[in-house]
PDB file of N, CA and C in Angstrom:
ATOM      1  N   UNK A   1      36.325 196.896 -79.841  1.00  0.00           N
ATOM      2  CA  UNK A   1      35.973 197.951 -78.763  1.00  0.00           C
ATOM      3  C   UNK A   1      36.630 197.904 -76.932  1.00  0.00           C
ATOM      4  N   UNK A   2      36.767 198.651 -76.000  1.00  0.00           N
ATOM      5  CA  UNK A   2      37.496 198.704 -75.436  1.00  0.00           C
ATOM      6  C   UNK A   2      36.138 198.626 -73.924  1.00  0.00           C
ATOM      7  N   UNK A   3      36.231 197.429 -73.486  1.00  0.00           N
ATOM      8  CA  UNK A   3      35.576 197.104 -72.193  1.00  0.00           C
ATOM      9  C   UNK A   3      35.603 197.796 -70.430  1.00  0.00           C
ATOM     10  N   UNK A   4      34.778 198.712 -70.838  1.00  0.00           N
ATOM     11  CA  UNK A   4      34.562 200.364 -69.697  1.00  0.00           C
ATOM     12  C   UNK A   4      34.025 199.934 -68.904  1.00  0.00           C
ATOM     13  N   UNK A   5      33.764 198.197 -67.496  1.00  0.00           N
ATOM     14  CA  UNK A   5      33.345 197.696 -66.906  1.00  0.00           C
ATOM     15  C   UNK A   5      34.507 197.742 -65.055  1.00  0.00           C
ATOM     16  N   UNK A   6      34.164 198.088 -64.825  1.00  0.00           N
ATOM     17  CA  UNK A   6      35.231 198.151 -63.450  1.00  0.00           C
ATOM     18  C   UNK A   6      35.587 196.711 -63.188  1.00  0.00           C
ATOM     19  N   UNK A   7      36.273 196.831 -62.348  1.00  0.00           N
ATOM     20  CA  UNK A   7      36.052 195.325 -61.599  1.00  0.00           C
ATOM     21  C   UNK A   7      34.641 194.945 -60.355  1.00  0.00           C
ATOM     22  N   UNK A   8      34.563 196.044 -60.176  1.00  0.00           N
ATOM     23  CA  UNK A   8      33.132 196.613 -58.444  1.00  0.00           C
ATOM     24  C   UNK A   8      31.974 196.255 -59.705  1.00  0.00           C
ATOM     25  N   UNK A   9      32.196 196.559 -60.833  1.00  0.00           N
ATOM     26  CA  UNK A   9      31.087 196.218 -61.731  1.00  0.00           C
ATOM     27  C   UNK A   9      30.374 195.461 -62.133  1.00  0.00           C
ATOM     28  N   UNK A  10      31.587 194.232 -62.436  1.00  0.00           N
ATOM     29  CA  UNK A  10      31.412 193.546 -62.778  1.00  0.00           C
ATOM     30  C   UNK A  10      31.423 192.568 -61.568  1.00  0.00           C
ATOM     31  N   UNK A  11      31.819 192.146 -60.853  1.00  0.00           N
ATOM     32  CA  UNK A  11      31.425 191.526 -59.684  1.00  0.00           C
ATOM     33  C   UNK A  11      30.560 191.546 -58.686  1.00  0.00           C
ATOM     34  N   UNK A  12      30.088 190.884 -58.925  1.00  0.00           N
ATOM     35  CA  UNK A  12      28.456 191.228 -57.405  1.00  0.00           C
ATOM     36  C   UNK A  12      29.170 190.044 -56.353  1.00  0.00           C
ATOM     37  N   UNK A  13      29.318 191.450 -54.654  1.00  0.00           N
ATOM     38  CA  UNK A  13      29.625 190.911 -54.047  1.00  0.00           C
ATOM     39  C   UNK A  13      28.559 191.699 -52.553  1.00  0.00           C
ATOM     40  N   UNK A  14      28.439 190.445 -51.469  1.00  0.00           N
ATOM     41  CA  UNK A  14      27.688 191.392 -49.761  1.00  0.00           C
ATOM     42  C   UNK A  14      28.459 191.344 -49.648  1.00  0.00           C
ATOM     43  N   UNK A  15      28.108 191.969 -48.173  1.00  0.00           N
ATOM     44  CA  UNK A  15      29.762 192.247 -47.197  1.00  0.00           C
ATOM     45  C   UNK A  15      28.659 192.168 -46.120  1.00  0.00           C
ATOM     46  N   UNK A  16      29.128 191.303 -45.267  1.00  0.00           N
ATOM     47  CA  UNK A  16      28.877 190.857 -44.004  1.00  0.00           C
ATOM     48  C   UNK A  16      29.644 191.246 -43.052  1.00  0.00           C
ATOM     49  N   UNK A  17      29.397 191.620 -42.084  1.00  0.00           N
ATOM     50  CA  UNK A  17      30.523 192.025 -40.324  1.00  0.00           C
ATOM     51  C   UNK A  17      31.541 193.231 -41.228  1.00  0.00           C
ATOM     52  N   UNK A  18      30.829 193.895 -42.121  1.00  0.00           N
ATOM     53  CA  UNK A  18      32.573 194.798 -42.195  1.00  0.00           C
ATOM     54  C   UNK A  18      33.377 194.417 -43.317  1.00  0.00           C
ATOM     55  N   UNK A  19      32.647 192.787 -43.648  1.00  0.00           N
ATOM     56  CA  UNK A  19      33.747 192.238 -44.859  1.00  0.00           C
ATOM     57  C   UNK A  19      33.283 192.189 -46.237  1.00  0.00           C
ATOM     58  N   UNK A  20      33.442 192.013 -47.105  1.00  0.00           N
ATOM     59  CA  UNK A  20      32.639 192.037 -48.692  1.00  0.00           C
ATOM     60  C   UNK A  20      32.976 190.414 -49.301  1.00  0.00           C
ATOM     61  N   UNK A  21      32.428 189.623 -49.272  1.00  0.00           N
ATOM     62  CA  UNK A  21      32.066 188.374 -50.275  1.00  0.00           C
ATOM     63  C   UNK A  21      31.723 188.294 -51.198  1.00  0.00           C
ATOM     64  N   UNK A  22      32.181 187.460 -52.132  1.00  0.00           N
ATOM     65  CA  UNK A  22      31.640 187.152 -53.769  1.00  0.00           C
ATOM     66  C   UNK A  22      30.773 186.873 -53.108  1.00  0.00           C
ATOM     67  N   UNK A  23      29.806 186.958 -54.590  1.00  0.00           N
ATOM     68  CA  UNK A  23      28.482 185.746 -54.353  1.00  0.00           C
ATOM     69  C   UNK A  23      28.438 184.222 -54.892  1.00  0.00           C
ATOM     70  N   UNK A  24      29.456 184.172 -55.791  1.00  0.00           N
ATOM     71  CA  UNK A  24      29.913 182.976 -56.405  1.00  0.00           C
ATOM     72  C   UNK A  24      31.035 182.536 -55.153  1.00  0.00           C
ATOM     73  N   UNK A  25      31.181 182.699 -54.027  1.00  0.00           N
ATOM     74  CA  UNK A  25      31.777 182.134 -53.031  1.00  0.00           C
ATOM     75  C   UNK A  25      30.451 181.739 -52.471  1.00  0.00           C
ATOM     76  N   UNK A  26      29.641 182.415 -51.326  1.00  0.00           N
ATOM     77  CA  UNK A  26      27.780 182.510 -51.147  1.00  0.00           C
ATOM     78  C   UNK A  26      27.865 181.375 -51.186  1.00  0.00           C
ATOM     79  N   UNK A  27      27.744 181.136 -53.246  1.00  0.00           N
ATOM     80  CA  UNK A  27      26.530 180.235 -53.819  1.00  0.00           C
ATOM     81  C   UNK A  27      27.613 179.107 -53.334  1.00  0.00           C
ATOM     82  N   UNK A  28      28.583 179.065 -53.850  1.00  0.00           N
ATOM     83  CA  UNK A  28      29.343 177.803 -53.267  1.00  0.00           C
ATOM     84  C   UNK A  28      29.600 177.002 -51.572  1.00  0.00           C
ATOM     85  N   UNK A  29      29.556 178.237 -50.898  1.00  0.00           N
ATOM     86  CA  UNK A  29      28.797 177.772 -49.124  1.00  0.00           C
ATOM     87  C   UNK A  29      27.498 176.380 -49.451  1.00  0.00           C
ATOM     88  N   UNK A  30      26.865 177.401 -49.627  1.00  0.00           N
ATOM     89  CA  UNK A  30      25.344 177.377 -49.451  1.00  0.00           C
ATOM     90  C   UNK A  30      25.082 175.764 -49.751  1.00  0.00           C
ATOM     91  N   UNK A  31      25.443 175.987 -51.550  1.00  0.00           N
ATOM     92  CA  UNK A  31      25.634 174.496 -52.140  1.00  0.00           C
ATOM     93  C   UNK A  31      26.840 172.622 -51.581  1.00  0.00           C
ATOM     94  N   UNK A  32      27.646 173.447 -50.878  1.00  0.00           N
ATOM     95  CA  UNK A  32      28.562 172.115 -49.776  1.00  0.00           C
ATOM     96  C   UNK A  32      27.481 171.704 -48.523  1.00  0.00           C
ATOM     97  N   UNK A  33      27.310 172.800 -47.401  1.00  0.00           N
ATOM     98  CA  UNK A  33      26.744 172.396 -46.560  1.00  0.00           C
ATOM     99  C   UNK A  33      25.056 171.976 -46.857  1.00  0.00           C
ATOM    100  N   UNK A  34      24.269 172.260 -47.955  1.00  0.00           N
ATOM    101  CA  UNK A  34      22.795 171.168 -48.634  1.00  0.00           C
ATOM    102  C   UNK A  34      23.234 170.303 -48.964  1.00  0.00           C
ATOM    103  N   UNK A  35      24.734 170.326 -49.270  1.00  0.00           N
ATOM    104  CA  UNK A  35      25.463 168.290 -49.916  1.00  0.00           C
ATOM    105  C   UNK A  35      25.528 167.859 -48.730  1.00  0.00           C
ATOM    106  N   UNK A  36      27.026 168.282 -47.641  1.00  0.00           N
ATOM    107  CA  UNK A  36      26.800 167.484 -46.038  1.00  0.00           C
ATOM    108  C   UNK A  36      25.746 167.649 -45.546  1.00  0.00           C
ATOM    109  N   UNK A  37      24.742 168.260 -44.963  1.00  0.00           N
ATOM    110  CA  UNK A  37      23.628 168.023 -44.969  1.00  0.00           C
ATOM    111  C   UNK A  37      22.505 166.758 -45.473  1.00  0.00           C
ATOM    112  N   UNK A  38      22.736 167.169 -46.829  1.00  0.00           N
ATOM    113  CA  UNK A  38      21.630 165.548 -47.523  1.00  0.00           C
ATOM    114  C   UNK A  38      22.197 164.079 -47.440  1.00  0.00           C
ATOM    115  N   UNK A  39      23.326 164.415 -47.365  1.00  0.00           N
ATOM    116  CA  UNK A  39      24.197 162.829 -47.761  1.00  0.00           C
ATOM    117  C   UNK A  39      25.075 162.347 -46.030  1.00  0.00           C
ATOM    118  N   UNK A  40      24.570 162.703 -44.587  1.00  0.00           N
ATOM    119  CA  UNK A  40      24.384 163.080 -43.394  1.00  0.00           C
ATOM    120  C   UNK A  40      23.240 162.047 -42.684  1.00  0.00           C
ATOM    121  N   UNK A  41      22.416 162.515 -43.770  1.00  0.00           N
ATOM    122  CA  UNK A  41      20.298 161.702 -43.571  1.00  0.00           C
ATOM    123  C   UNK A  41      19.752 160.976 -44.090  1.00  0.00           C
ATOM    124  N   UNK A  42      21.381 160.946 -45.010  1.00  0.00           N
ATOM    125  CA  UNK A  42      20.306 159.370 -45.720  1.00  0.00           C
ATOM    126  C   UNK A  42      21.686 158.434 -45.463  1.00  0.00           C
ATOM    127  N   UNK A  43      22.324 157.286 -44.334  1.00  0.00           N
ATOM    128  CA  UNK A  43      22.031 157.148 -44.008  1.00  0.00           C
ATOM    129  C   UNK A  43      21.825 155.803 -43.978  1.00  0.00           C
ATOM    130  N   UNK A  44      21.050 154.962 -44.406  1.00  0.00           N
ATOM    131  CA  UNK A  44      20.852 153.711 -45.122  1.00  0.00           C
ATOM    132  C   UNK A  44      21.495 152.795 -45.763  1.00  0.00           C
ATOM    133  N   UNK A  45      21.324 151.566 -46.336  1.00  0.00           N
ATOM    134  CA  UNK A  45      22.149 150.844 -47.222  1.00  0.00           C
ATOM    135  C   UNK A  45      21.118 150.796 -47.754  1.00  0.00           C
ATOM    136  N   UNK A  46      22.067 150.287 -49.372  1.00  0.00           N
ATOM    137  CA  UNK A  46      21.949 149.961 -50.096  1.00  0.00           C
ATOM    138  C   UNK A  46      22.701 148.901 -51.863  1.00  0.00           C
ATOM    139  N   UNK A  47      21.930 148.280 -52.097  1.00  0.00           N
ATOM    140  CA  UNK A  47      22.682 147.301 -52.756  1.00  0.00           C
ATOM    141  C   UNK A  47      23.270 148.072 -54.537  1.00  0.00           C
ATOM    142  N   UNK A  48      24.027 148.310 -54.724  1.00  0.00           N
ATOM    143  CA  UNK A  48      24.900 149.022 -56.242  1.00  0.00           C
ATOM    144  C   UNK A  48      25.132 147.823 -57.071  1.00  0.00           C
ATOM    145  N   UNK A  49      24.549 148.047 -58.648  1.00  0.00           N
ATOM    146  CA  UNK A  49      25.104 146.776 -58.818  1.00  0.00           C
ATOM    147  C   UNK A  49      26.310 148.063 -60.239  1.00  0.00           C
ATOM    148  N   UNK A  50      27.030 147.413 -59.830  1.00  0.00           N
ATOM    149  CA  UNK A  50      28.839 147.506 -60.908  1.00  0.00           C
ATOM    150  C   UNK A  50      29.042 146.355 -62.056  1.00  0.00           C
ATOM    151  N   UNK A  51      28.490 147.158 -62.851  1.00  0.00           N
ATOM    152  CA  UNK A  51      28.804 146.554 -64.505  1.00  0.00           C
ATOM    153  C   UNK A  51      28.419 144.090 -63.651  1.00  0.00           C
ATOM    154  N   UNK A  52      29.084 144.249 -63.243  1.00  0.00           N
ATOM    155  CA  UNK A  52      29.521 143.060 -62.930  1.00  0.00           C
ATOM    156  C   UNK A  52      29.332 142.646 -61.664  1.00  0.00           C
ATOM    157  N   UNK A  53      29.527 143.458 -60.274  1.00  0.00           N
ATOM    158  CA  UNK A  53      29.069 142.882 -59.188  1.00  0.00           C
ATOM    159  C   UNK A  53      28.154 143.567 -58.254  1.00  0.00           C
ATOM    160  N   UNK A  54      27.335 142.917 -57.447  1.00  0.00           N
ATOM    161  CA  UNK A  54      26.321 144.045 -56.754  1.00  0.00           C
ATOM    162  C   UNK A  54      27.505 143.917 -55.501  1.00  0.00           C
ATOM    163  N   UNK A  55      27.276 145.410 -55.104  1.00  0.00           N
ATOM    164  CA  UNK A  55      27.897 145.898 -53.078  1.00  0.00           C
ATOM    165  C   UNK A  55      26.616 145.669 -52.462  1.00  0.00           C
ATOM    166  N   UNK A  56      26.946 146.121 -51.295  1.00  0.00           N
ATOM    167  CA  UNK A  56      26.133 147.168 -50.138  1.00  0.00           C
ATOM    168  C   UNK A  56      27.025 147.469 -49.246  1.00  0.00           C
ATOM    169  N   UNK A  57      26.389 149.359 -49.403  1.00  0.00           N
ATOM    170  CA  UNK A  57      27.440 150.441 -49.024  1.00  0.00           C
ATOM    171  C   UNK A  57      26.085 151.147 -47.865  1.00  0.00           C
ATOM    172  N   UNK A  58      26.487 151.554 -47.331  1.00  0.00           N
ATOM    173  CA  UNK A  58      25.759 152.833 -46.913  1.00  0.00           C
ATOM    174  C   UNK A  58      25.337 153.882 -47.825  1.00  0.00           C
ATOM    175  N   UNK A  59      24.945 154.644 -48.790  1.00  0.00           N
ATOM    176  CA  UNK A  59      24.034 155.133 -48.787  1.00  0.00           C
ATOM    177  C   UNK A  59      25.127 156.922 -48.558  1.00  0.00           C
ATOM    178  N   UNK A  60      24.967 156.867 -48.237  1.00  0.00           N
ATOM    179  CA  UNK A  60      25.848 158.070 -47.781  1.00  0.00           C
ATOM    180  C   UNK A  60      27.187 157.849 -48.259  1.00  0.00           C
ATOM    181  N   UNK A  61      28.244 156.745 -47.987  1.00  0.00           N
ATOM    182  CA  UNK A  61      29.305 156.434 -48.751  1.00  0.00           C
ATOM    183  C   UNK A  61      29.313 157.056 -50.082  1.00  0.00           C
ATOM    184  N   UNK A  62      28.007 156.736 -50.685  1.00  0.00           N
ATOM    185  CA  UNK A  62      28.025 156.749 -52.532  1.00  0.00           C
ATOM    186  C   UNK A  62      28.010 157.940 -52.863  1.00  0.00           C
ATOM    187  N   UNK A  63      27.401 158.095 -52.159  1.00  0.00           N
ATOM    188  CA  UNK A  63      26.569 160.179 -52.237  1.00  0.00           C
ATOM    189  C   UNK A  63      27.662 160.915 -51.433  1.00  0.00           C
ATOM    190  N   UNK A  64      29.005 160.466 -50.580  1.00  0.00           N
ATOM    191  CA  UNK A  64      30.280 161.245 -51.247  1.00  0.00           C
ATOM    192  C   UNK A  64      30.737 161.202 -52.089  1.00  0.00           C
ATOM    193  N   UNK A  65      31.638 160.070 -52.887  1.00  0.00           N
ATOM    194  CA  UNK A  65      32.100 159.822 -54.185  1.00  0.00           C
ATOM    195  C   UNK A  65      31.324 159.743 -54.805  1.00  0.00           C
ATOM    196  N   UNK A  66      30.120 160.282 -54.908  1.00  0.00           N
ATOM    197  CA  UNK A  66      30.076 161.027 -56.202  1.00  0.00           C
ATOM    198  C   UNK A  66      29.650 162.367 -56.120  1.00  0.00           C
ATOM    199  N   UNK A  67      29.723 162.611 -54.905  1.00  0.00           N
ATOM    200  CA  UNK A  67      30.247 164.213 -54.607  1.00  0.00           C
ATOM    201  C   UNK A  67      31.043 164.469 -54.957  1.00  0.00           C
ATOM    202  N   UNK A  68      31.760 163.249 -54.809  1.00  0.00           N
ATOM    203  CA  UNK A  68      33.698 164.050 -55.051  1.00  0.00           C
ATOM    204  C   UNK A  68      34.347 163.591 -56.337  1.00  0.00           C
ATOM    205  N   UNK A  69      33.344 162.802 -57.227  1.00  0.00           N
ATOM    206  CA  UNK A  69      33.537 163.159 -58.989  1.00  0.00           C
ATOM    207  C   UNK A  69      33.084 164.295 -58.862  1.00  0.00           C
ATOM    208  N   UNK A  70      32.111 164.382 -59.346  1.00  0.00           N
ATOM    209  CA  UNK A  70      31.141 165.640 -59.860  1.00  0.00           C
ATOM    210  C   UNK A  70      31.709 167.104 -59.177  1.00  0.00           C
ATOM    211  N   UNK A  71      32.709 166.838 -58.270  1.00  0.00           N
ATOM    212  CA  UNK A  71      33.623 168.449 -58.499  1.00  0.00           C
ATOM    213  C   UNK A  71      34.975 167.385 -59.018  1.00  0.00           C
ATOM    214  N   UNK A  72      35.216 167.040 -58.987  1.00  0.00           N
ATOM    215  CA  UNK A  72      36.797 166.875 -59.521  1.00  0.00           C
ATOM    216  C   UNK A  72      36.115 167.154 -60.958  1.00  0.00           C
ATOM    217  N   UNK A  73      35.406 166.177 -61.442  1.00  0.00           N
ATOM    218  CA  UNK A  73      34.951 166.834 -62.925  1.00  0.00           C
ATOM    219  C   UNK A  73      34.825 168.255 -63.429  1.00  0.00           C
ATOM    220  N   UNK A  74      33.857 168.930 -62.391  1.00  0.00           N
ATOM    221  CA  UNK A  74      33.919 169.850 -63.430  1.00  0.00           C
ATOM    222  C   UNK A  74      35.108 171.179 -63.021  1.00  0.00           C
ATOM    223  N   UNK A  75      36.264 170.887 -61.479  1.00  0.00           N
ATOM    224  CA  UNK A  75      36.945 171.034 -61.555  1.00  0.00           C
ATOM    225  C   UNK A  75      38.484 171.202 -62.849  1.00  0.00           C
ATOM    226  N   UNK A  76      38.485 170.275 -62.812  1.00  0.00           N
ATOM    227  CA  UNK A  76      39.535 169.765 -65.106  1.00  0.00           C
ATOM    228  C   UNK A  76      38.364 170.131 -65.155  1.00  0.00           C
ATOM    229  N   UNK A  77      37.122 170.295 -66.379  1.00  0.00           N
ATOM    230  CA  UNK A  77      37.597 171.209 -67.505  1.00  0.00           C
ATOM    231  C   UNK A  77      37.197 172.277 -67.321  1.00  0.00           C
ATOM    232  N   UNK A  78      36.548 173.572 -65.373  1.00  0.00           N
ATOM    233  CA  UNK A  78      36.744 174.796 -65.535  1.00  0.00           C
ATOM    234  C   UNK A  78      37.850 174.845 -66.088  1.00  0.00           C
ATOM    235  N   UNK A  79      39.423 174.476 -65.666  1.00  0.00           N
ATOM    236  CA  UNK A  79      40.418 174.470 -66.037  1.00  0.00           C
ATOM    237  C   UNK A  79      40.630 174.509 -66.944  1.00  0.00           C
ATOM    238  N   UNK A  80      40.238 173.906 -68.200  1.00  0.00           N
ATOM    239  CA  UNK A  80      39.718 173.239 -69.536  1.00  0.00           C
ATOM    240  C   UNK A  80      39.476 174.445 -69.568  1.00  0.00           C
ATOM    241  N   UNK A  81      38.830 174.259 -69.605  1.00  0.00           N
ATOM    242  CA  UNK A  81      38.305 175.812 -70.131  1.00  0.00           C
ATOM    243  C   UNK A  81      39.287 177.033 -70.225  1.00  0.00           C
ATOM    244  N   UNK A  82      39.467 177.098 -68.878  1.00  0.00           N
ATOM    245  CA  UNK A  82      40.482 178.345 -68.482  1.00  0.00           C
ATOM    246  C   UNK A  82      42.145 178.207 -70.024  1.00  0.00           C
ATOM    247  N   UNK A  83      42.107 177.611 -70.029  1.00  0.00           N
ATOM    248  CA  UNK A  83      43.706 177.479 -70.973  1.00  0.00           C
ATOM    249  C   UNK A  83      43.710 177.205 -72.281  1.00  0.00           C
ATOM    250  N   UNK A  84      41.936 177.831 -72.652  1.00  0.00           N
ATOM    251  CA  UNK A  84      41.668 178.342 -74.436  1.00  0.00           C
ATOM    252  C   UNK A  84      41.937 179.658 -73.792  1.00  0.00           C
TER     253      UNK A  84
END
């Protein structure tokens, strides 16, 4: 059966200042700003156990590393799914 939807019907978008943005892009931007804000306000030092060693470091470093690792895993999973 043929798909009769057009690209404009398939993708949600919003127009701001005469420029059209996809809702996915807006959502990613909002999440990025919230993540950066959350990392910036958590500046205390924390102790982390890494299997054997105990490490003390600022919480913002732990959060930033977690964010980067999570984004990399998500990107790799999406890339693998796209290849199928």
